[in-house]
Amino acid sequence: MENGLTLTEQFRDYEDMWVAILESESRIVGSGADPLEARSDAERKGYSETTLFQVPAFDQLYVP
């Protein structure tokens, strides 16, 4: 975990952005305005096996 934070806590810094998550360590390793940017950021840091996730805007309601 990044600085001992859970993924949910880490999302606070990435509102309305795409993030690349390293699931094995439960941490965010890349970010960007779109999924390609987030994946590219993670790969530049040496992480090729990541999961992409779009962090929603916190002031909007999401109903699946």
PDB file of N, CA and C in Angstrom:
ATOM      1  N   MET A   1       0.832  -1.190   0.000  1.00  0.00           N
ATOM      2  CA  MET A   1       0.000   0.000   0.000  1.00  0.00           C
ATOM      3  C   MET A   1       0.872   1.248   0.000  1.00  0.00           C
ATOM      4  N   GLU A   2       0.407   2.232  -0.686  1.00  0.00           N
ATOM      5  CA  GLU A   2       1.111   3.499  -0.774  1.00  0.00           C
ATOM      6  C   GLU A   2       0.972   4.251   0.548  1.00  0.00           C
ATOM      7  N   ASN A   3       2.086   4.396   1.280  1.00  0.00           N
ATOM      8  CA  ASN A   3       2.089   5.093   2.565  1.00  0.00           C
ATOM      9  C   ASN A   3       1.072   4.520   3.551  1.00  0.00           C
ATOM     10  N   GLY A   4       0.769   3.223   3.459  1.00  0.00           N
ATOM     11  CA  GLY A   4      -0.161   2.601   4.380  1.00  0.00           C
ATOM     12  C   GLY A   4      -1.622   2.910   4.113  1.00  0.00           C
ATOM     13  N   LEU A   5      -1.932   3.539   2.986  1.00  0.00           N
ATOM     14  CA  LEU A   5      -3.310   3.898   2.662  1.00  0.00           C
ATOM     15  C   LEU A   5      -3.982   2.777   1.879  1.00  0.00           C
ATOM     16  N   THR A   6      -5.268   2.593   2.104  1.00  0.00           N
ATOM     17  CA  THR A   6      -6.032   1.651   1.296  1.00  0.00           C
ATOM     18  C   THR A   6      -6.245   2.272  -0.091  1.00  0.00           C
ATOM     19  N   LEU A   7      -6.656   1.455  -1.054  1.00  0.00           N
ATOM     20  CA  LEU A   7      -6.930   2.001  -2.387  1.00  0.00           C
ATOM     21  C   LEU A   7      -7.988   3.086  -2.328  1.00  0.00           C
ATOM     22  N   THR A   8      -9.029   2.874  -1.544  1.00  0.00           N
ATOM     23  CA  THR A   8     -10.095   3.870  -1.432  1.00  0.00           C
ATOM     24  C   THR A   8      -9.535   5.207  -0.957  1.00  0.00           C
ATOM     25  N   GLU A   9      -8.639   5.176  -0.002  1.00  0.00           N
ATOM     26  CA  GLU A   9      -8.036   6.415   0.501  1.00  0.00           C
ATOM     27  C   GLU A   9      -7.128   7.052  -0.554  1.00  0.00           C
ATOM     28  N   GLN A  10      -6.440   6.230  -1.336  1.00  0.00           N
ATOM     29  CA  GLN A  10      -5.562   6.749  -2.385  1.00  0.00           C
ATOM     30  C   GLN A  10      -6.355   7.447  -3.483  1.00  0.00           C
ATOM     31  N   PHE A  11      -7.588   7.009  -3.733  1.00  0.00           N
ATOM     32  CA  PHE A  11      -8.414   7.592  -4.788  1.00  0.00           C
ATOM     33  C   PHE A  11      -8.677   9.079  -4.568  1.00  0.00           C
ATOM     34  N   ARG A  12      -8.612   9.544  -3.341  1.00  0.00           N
ATOM     35  CA  ARG A  12      -8.886  10.959  -3.046  1.00  0.00           C
ATOM     36  C   ARG A  12      -8.022  11.903  -3.872  1.00  0.00           C
ATOM     37  N   ASP A  13      -6.806  11.481  -4.172  1.00  0.00           N
ATOM     38  CA  ASP A  13      -5.875  12.322  -4.929  1.00  0.00           C
ATOM     39  C   ASP A  13      -6.091  12.247  -6.435  1.00  0.00           C
ATOM     40  N   TYR A  14      -7.007  11.392  -6.894  1.00  0.00           N
ATOM     41  CA  TYR A  14      -7.178  11.145  -8.326  1.00  0.00           C
ATOM     42  C   TYR A  14      -8.619  11.328  -8.789  1.00  0.00           C
ATOM     43  N   GLU A  15      -9.336  12.231  -8.181  1.00  0.00           N
ATOM     44  CA  GLU A  15     -10.740  12.465  -8.542  1.00  0.00           C
ATOM     45  C   GLU A  15     -10.875  12.776 -10.030  1.00  0.00           C
ATOM     46  N   ASP A  16     -11.814  12.082 -10.693  1.00  0.00           N
ATOM     47  CA  ASP A  16     -12.140  12.289 -12.099  1.00  0.00           C
ATOM     48  C   ASP A  16     -10.962  12.011 -13.035  1.00  0.00           C
ATOM     49  N   MET A  17     -10.096  11.068 -12.656  1.00  0.00           N
ATOM     50  CA  MET A  17      -8.956  10.674 -13.476  1.00  0.00           C
ATOM     51  C   MET A  17      -8.959   9.160 -13.661  1.00  0.00           C
ATOM     52  N   TRP A  18      -8.153   8.689 -14.574  1.00  0.00           N
ATOM     53  CA  TRP A  18      -7.912   7.258 -14.741  1.00  0.00           C
ATOM     54  C   TRP A  18      -6.656   6.897 -13.966  1.00  0.00           C
ATOM     55  N   VAL A  19      -6.661   5.723 -13.338  1.00  0.00           N
ATOM     56  CA  VAL A  19      -5.492   5.254 -12.600  1.00  0.00           C
ATOM     57  C   VAL A  19      -5.145   3.829 -13.028  1.00  0.00           C
ATOM     58  N   ALA A  20      -3.870   3.510 -12.935  1.00  0.00           N
ATOM     59  CA  ALA A  20      -3.378   2.155 -13.156  1.00  0.00           C
ATOM     60  C   ALA A  20      -3.050   1.595 -11.781  1.00  0.00           C
ATOM     61  N   ILE A  21      -3.661   0.465 -11.456  1.00  0.00           N
ATOM     62  CA  ILE A  21      -3.523  -0.120 -10.121  1.00  0.00           C
ATOM     63  C   ILE A  21      -2.686  -1.389 -10.192  1.00  0.00           C
ATOM     64  N   LEU A  22      -1.743  -1.518  -9.287  1.00  0.00           N
ATOM     65  CA  LEU A  22      -0.985  -2.748  -9.116  1.00  0.00           C
ATOM     66  C   LEU A  22      -1.707  -3.525  -8.023  1.00  0.00           C
ATOM     67  N   GLU A  23      -2.541  -4.480  -8.442  1.00  0.00           N
ATOM     68  CA  GLU A  23      -3.412  -5.183  -7.494  1.00  0.00           C
ATOM     69  C   GLU A  23      -2.642  -5.991  -6.460  1.00  0.00           C
ATOM     70  N   SER A  24      -1.512  -6.546  -6.841  1.00  0.00           N
ATOM     71  CA  SER A  24      -0.760  -7.382  -5.904  1.00  0.00           C
ATOM     72  C   SER A  24      -0.289  -6.607  -4.685  1.00  0.00           C
ATOM     73  N   GLU A  25      -0.120  -5.287  -4.837  1.00  0.00           N
ATOM     74  CA  GLU A  25       0.326  -4.453  -3.719  1.00  0.00           C
ATOM     75  C   GLU A  25      -0.720  -3.430  -3.299  1.00  0.00           C
ATOM     76  N   SER A  26      -1.891  -3.462  -3.932  1.00  0.00           N
ATOM     77  CA  SER A  26      -2.981  -2.529  -3.621  1.00  0.00           C
ATOM     78  C   SER A  26      -2.519  -1.080  -3.622  1.00  0.00           C
ATOM     79  N   ARG A  27      -1.919  -0.689  -4.753  1.00  0.00           N
ATOM     80  CA  ARG A  27      -1.496   0.708  -4.841  1.00  0.00           C
ATOM     81  C   ARG A  27      -1.608   1.217  -6.268  1.00  0.00           C
ATOM     82  N   ILE A  28      -1.705   2.521  -6.381  1.00  0.00           N
ATOM     83  CA  ILE A  28      -1.803   3.194  -7.660  1.00  0.00           C
ATOM     84  C   ILE A  28      -0.384   3.464  -8.160  1.00  0.00           C
ATOM     85  N   VAL A  29      -0.110   3.038  -9.407  1.00  0.00           N
ATOM     86  CA  VAL A  29       1.237   3.193  -9.953  1.00  0.00           C
ATOM     87  C   VAL A  29       1.279   4.081 -11.193  1.00  0.00           C
ATOM     88  N   GLY A  30       0.130   4.583 -11.624  1.00  0.00           N
ATOM     89  CA  GLY A  30       0.079   5.481 -12.772  1.00  0.00           C
ATOM     90  C   GLY A  30      -1.244   6.207 -12.813  1.00  0.00           C
ATOM     91  N   SER A  31      -1.264   7.348 -13.482  1.00  0.00           N
ATOM     92  CA  SER A  31      -2.511   8.107 -13.593  1.00  0.00           C
ATOM     93  C   SER A  31      -2.479   8.957 -14.848  1.00  0.00           C
ATOM     94  N   GLY A  32      -3.677   9.392 -15.264  1.00  0.00           N
ATOM     95  CA  GLY A  32      -3.772  10.244 -16.431  1.00  0.00           C
ATOM     96  C   GLY A  32      -5.204  10.656 -16.707  1.00  0.00           C
ATOM     97  N   ALA A  33      -5.362  11.493 -17.701  1.00  0.00           N
ATOM     98  CA  ALA A  33      -6.687  12.000 -18.069  1.00  0.00           C
ATOM     99  C   ALA A  33      -7.506  10.948 -18.814  1.00  0.00           C
ATOM    100  N   ASP A  34      -6.829   9.953 -19.387  1.00  0.00           N
ATOM    101  CA  ASP A  34      -7.523   8.873 -20.088  1.00  0.00           C
ATOM    102  C   ASP A  34      -6.780   7.561 -19.809  1.00  0.00           C
ATOM    103  N   PRO A  35      -7.380   6.420 -20.181  1.00  0.00           N
ATOM    104  CA  PRO A  35      -6.758   5.141 -19.849  1.00  0.00           C
ATOM    105  C   PRO A  35      -5.383   4.938 -20.490  1.00  0.00           C
ATOM    106  N   LEU A  36      -5.193   5.451 -21.694  1.00  0.00           N
ATOM    107  CA  LEU A  36      -3.885   5.296 -22.343  1.00  0.00           C
ATOM    108  C   LEU A  36      -2.794   6.053 -21.599  1.00  0.00           C
ATOM    109  N   GLU A  37      -3.121   7.232 -21.125  1.00  0.00           N
ATOM    110  CA  GLU A  37      -2.173   8.031 -20.345  1.00  0.00           C
ATOM    111  C   GLU A  37      -1.808   7.335 -19.037  1.00  0.00           C
ATOM    112  N   ALA A  38      -2.811   6.782 -18.357  1.00  0.00           N
ATOM    113  CA  ALA A  38      -2.569   6.093 -17.091  1.00  0.00           C
ATOM    114  C   ALA A  38      -1.688   4.859 -17.306  1.00  0.00           C
ATOM    115  N   ARG A  39      -1.994   4.073 -18.348  1.00  0.00           N
ATOM    116  CA  ARG A  39      -1.201   2.871 -18.649  1.00  0.00           C
ATOM    117  C   ARG A  39       0.232   3.266 -19.007  1.00  0.00           C
ATOM    118  N   SER A  40       0.384   4.294 -19.831  1.00  0.00           N
ATOM    119  CA  SER A  40       1.711   4.758 -20.236  1.00  0.00           C
ATOM    120  C   SER A  40       2.523   5.239 -19.032  1.00  0.00           C
ATOM    121  N   ASP A  41       1.885   5.959 -18.120  1.00  0.00           N
ATOM    122  CA  ASP A  41       2.553   6.440 -16.903  1.00  0.00           C
ATOM    123  C   ASP A  41       3.057   5.255 -16.077  1.00  0.00           C
ATOM    124  N   ALA A  42       2.229   4.237 -15.922  1.00  0.00           N
ATOM    125  CA  ALA A  42       2.625   3.049 -15.157  1.00  0.00           C
ATOM    126  C   ALA A  42       3.773   2.315 -15.844  1.00  0.00           C
ATOM    127  N   GLU A  43       3.704   2.180 -17.154  1.00  0.00           N
ATOM    128  CA  GLU A  43       4.755   1.470 -17.892  1.00  0.00           C
ATOM    129  C   GLU A  43       6.080   2.209 -17.821  1.00  0.00           C
ATOM    130  N   ARG A  44       6.060   3.558 -17.847  1.00  0.00           N
ATOM    131  CA  ARG A  44       7.293   4.344 -17.697  1.00  0.00           C
ATOM    132  C   ARG A  44       7.950   4.070 -16.346  1.00  0.00           C
ATOM    133  N   LYS A  45       7.139   3.733 -15.354  1.00  0.00           N
ATOM    134  CA  LYS A  45       7.654   3.454 -14.009  1.00  0.00           C
ATOM    135  C   LYS A  45       8.013   1.984 -13.828  1.00  0.00           C
ATOM    136  N   GLY A  46       7.837   1.175 -14.897  1.00  0.00           N
ATOM    137  CA  GLY A  46       8.231  -0.224 -14.844  1.00  0.00           C
ATOM    138  C   GLY A  46       7.123  -1.203 -14.492  1.00  0.00           C
ATOM    139  N   TYR A  47       5.878  -0.766 -14.548  1.00  0.00           N
ATOM    140  CA  TYR A  47       4.741  -1.632 -14.216  1.00  0.00           C
ATOM    141  C   TYR A  47       3.933  -1.922 -15.479  1.00  0.00           C
ATOM    142  N   SER A  48       4.022  -3.143 -15.975  1.00  0.00           N
ATOM    143  CA  SER A  48       3.314  -3.478 -17.214  1.00  0.00           C
ATOM    144  C   SER A  48       2.014  -4.244 -16.968  1.00  0.00           C
ATOM    145  N   GLU A  49       1.886  -4.895 -15.838  1.00  0.00           N
ATOM    146  CA  GLU A  49       0.681  -5.671 -15.520  1.00  0.00           C
ATOM    147  C   GLU A  49      -0.172  -4.919 -14.509  1.00  0.00           C
ATOM    148  N   THR A  50      -1.028  -4.034 -15.006  1.00  0.00           N
ATOM    149  CA  THR A  50      -1.859  -3.219 -14.119  1.00  0.00           C
ATOM    150  C   THR A  50      -3.328  -3.332 -14.514  1.00  0.00           C
ATOM    151  N   THR A  51      -4.174  -2.882 -13.622  1.00  0.00           N
ATOM    152  CA  THR A  51      -5.607  -2.801 -13.872  1.00  0.00           C
ATOM    153  C   THR A  51      -5.972  -1.328 -13.960  1.00  0.00           C
ATOM    154  N   LEU A  52      -6.772  -0.967 -14.965  1.00  0.00           N
ATOM    155  CA  LEU A  52      -7.181   0.425 -15.126  1.00  0.00           C
ATOM    156  C   LEU A  52      -8.533   0.662 -14.477  1.00  0.00           C
ATOM    157  N   PHE A  53      -8.681   1.839 -13.883  1.00  0.00           N
ATOM    158  CA  PHE A  53      -9.919   2.193 -13.191  1.00  0.00           C
ATOM    159  C   PHE A  53     -10.133   3.690 -13.319  1.00  0.00           C
ATOM    160  N   GLN A  54     -11.359   4.089 -13.604  1.00  0.00           N
ATOM    161  CA  GLN A  54     -11.676   5.517 -13.652  1.00  0.00           C
ATOM    162  C   GLN A  54     -12.258   5.934 -12.306  1.00  0.00           C
ATOM    163  N   VAL A  55     -11.585   6.838 -11.640  1.00  0.00           N
ATOM    164  CA  VAL A  55     -12.060   7.353 -10.361  1.00  0.00           C
ATOM    165  C   VAL A  55     -13.146   8.376 -10.667  1.00  0.00           C
ATOM    166  N   PRO A  56     -14.361   8.179 -10.154  1.00  0.00           N
ATOM    167  CA  PRO A  56     -15.446   9.111 -10.469  1.00  0.00           C
ATOM    168  C   PRO A  56     -15.280  10.452  -9.762  1.00  0.00           C
ATOM    169  N   ALA A  57     -15.992  11.445 -10.269  1.00  0.00           N
ATOM    170  CA  ALA A  57     -16.053  12.734  -9.580  1.00  0.00           C
ATOM    171  C   ALA A  57     -16.803  12.517  -8.276  1.00  0.00           C
ATOM    172  N   PHE A  58     -16.331  13.089  -7.209  1.00  0.00           N
ATOM    173  CA  PHE A  58     -16.910  12.820  -5.891  1.00  0.00           C
ATOM    174  C   PHE A  58     -18.232  13.529  -5.649  1.00  0.00           C
ATOM    175  N   ASP A  59     -18.541  14.505  -6.471  1.00  0.00           N
ATOM    176  CA  ASP A  59     -19.798  15.239  -6.273  1.00  0.00           C
ATOM    177  C   ASP A  59     -20.926  14.717  -7.157  1.00  0.00           C
ATOM    178  N   GLN A  60     -20.724  13.550  -7.765  1.00  0.00           N
ATOM    179  CA  GLN A  60     -21.753  12.958  -8.615  1.00  0.00           C
ATOM    180  C   GLN A  60     -22.176  11.613  -8.055  1.00  0.00           C
ATOM    181  N   LEU A  61     -23.421  11.278  -8.285  1.00  0.00           N
ATOM    182  CA  LEU A  61     -23.970   9.987  -7.847  1.00  0.00           C
ATOM    183  C   LEU A  61     -23.849   8.987  -8.979  1.00  0.00           C
ATOM    184  N   TYR A  62     -23.404   7.788  -8.657  1.00  0.00           N
ATOM    185  CA  TYR A  62     -23.278   6.722  -9.659  1.00  0.00           C
ATOM    186  C   TYR A  62     -24.152   5.555  -9.226  1.00  0.00           C
ATOM    187  N   VAL A  63     -25.061   5.156 -10.093  1.00  0.00           N
ATOM    188  CA  VAL A  63     -25.937   4.016  -9.790  1.00  0.00           C
ATOM    189  C   VAL A  63     -25.730   3.000 -10.917  1.00  0.00           C
ATOM    190  N   PRO A  64     -25.163   1.828 -10.605  1.00  0.00           N
ATOM    191  CA  PRO A  64     -24.912   0.830 -11.662  1.00  0.00           C
ATOM    192  C   PRO A  64     -26.187   0.190 -12.158  1.00  0.00           C
TER     193      PRO A  64
END
